[in-house]
Protein backbone atom coordinates (compact mmCIF):
# COMPACT_ATOMS: atom_id res chain seq x y z
CA MET A 1 -6.30 -4.32 9.14
CA SER A 2 -2.86 -5.60 8.10
CA SER A 3 -2.12 -9.09 6.93
CA ALA A 4 1.06 -10.97 7.70
CA THR A 5 3.20 -12.40 4.96
CA VAL A 6 4.17 -15.98 5.71
CA VAL A 7 7.12 -17.61 3.95
CA ARG A 8 9.05 -20.84 4.35
CA ASP A 9 12.60 -20.91 5.72
CA PRO A 10 14.56 -22.62 2.90
CA VAL A 11 16.86 -24.39 5.35
CA CYS A 12 14.55 -26.02 7.91
CA GLY A 13 11.15 -25.66 6.21
CA MET A 14 9.52 -23.71 9.04
CA ASP A 15 6.76 -21.28 8.06
CA ILE A 16 7.54 -17.82 9.46
CA GLU A 17 6.16 -14.31 9.17
CA THR A 18 8.55 -12.00 7.35
CA ALA A 19 8.14 -9.35 10.05
CA ALA A 20 9.23 -11.84 12.74
CA ALA A 21 12.11 -13.41 10.79
CA ALA A 22 15.47 -13.60 12.56
CA GLY A 23 17.23 -12.67 9.34
CA HIS A 24 17.03 -12.50 5.59
CA ALA A 25 19.36 -12.88 2.62
CA GLU A 26 19.28 -11.87 -1.04
CA HIS A 27 20.22 -14.51 -3.59
CA ALA A 28 19.73 -14.39 -7.35
CA GLY A 29 17.36 -11.46 -7.06
CA GLN A 30 15.10 -13.06 -4.46
CA THR A 31 14.82 -12.48 -0.72
CA TYR A 32 14.80 -15.47 1.64
CA TYR A 33 13.81 -15.30 5.31
CA PHE A 34 15.02 -17.41 8.23
CA CYS A 35 13.62 -18.57 11.55
CA GLY A 36 16.97 -18.24 13.31
CA SER A 37 20.60 -17.28 12.92
CA LYS A 38 21.77 -20.89 12.48
CA CYS A 39 19.53 -21.37 9.44
CA LYS A 40 20.72 -18.09 7.92
CA GLU A 41 24.35 -19.05 8.51
CA LYS A 42 23.85 -22.44 6.81
CA PHE A 43 22.16 -20.75 3.84
CA ASP A 44 24.86 -18.08 3.54
CA ASN A 45 27.53 -20.80 3.38
CA ASN A 46 25.88 -22.70 0.50
CA PRO A 47 22.58 -21.31 -0.84
CA ALA A 48 22.40 -23.66 -3.82
CA SER A 49 22.20 -26.75 -1.62
CA PHE A 50 19.01 -25.45 0.00
CA LEU A 51 17.34 -23.90 -3.03
CA ALA A 52 17.36 -27.13 -5.05
CA ASN A 53 14.86 -28.66 -2.62
CA HIS A 54 13.19 -25.48 -1.37
CA ARG A 55 9.87 -25.92 -3.18
CA SER A 56 9.56 -29.66 -2.65
CA ARG A 57 10.31 -29.77 1.08
CA SER A 58 7.58 -30.92 3.38
CA ARG A 59 5.95 -28.50 5.78
CA LYS A 60 7.33 -30.45 8.75
CA VAL A 61 9.87 -28.45 10.72
CA ASP A 62 13.37 -29.88 10.84
CA SER A 63 14.05 -30.96 14.42
CA ALA A 64 17.71 -30.00 14.02
CA CYS A 65 16.79 -26.34 13.56
CA GLN A 66 18.42 -24.29 16.30
CA ARG A 67 17.24 -20.74 16.52
């Protein structure tokens, strides 16, 4: 039996399985996963703006997230 690894998209806050992620990026030695290409693009343009609030974001999905 395999178990899925669930992580939070640092841009929109959506919980996603790493195997189903639309993309991923490496930053400061850590891998971040994204629900869609728009979230990855936003992160790639300015990772620091999303990482400052990454741990404190609510679990509610951002309605502006466009996969």
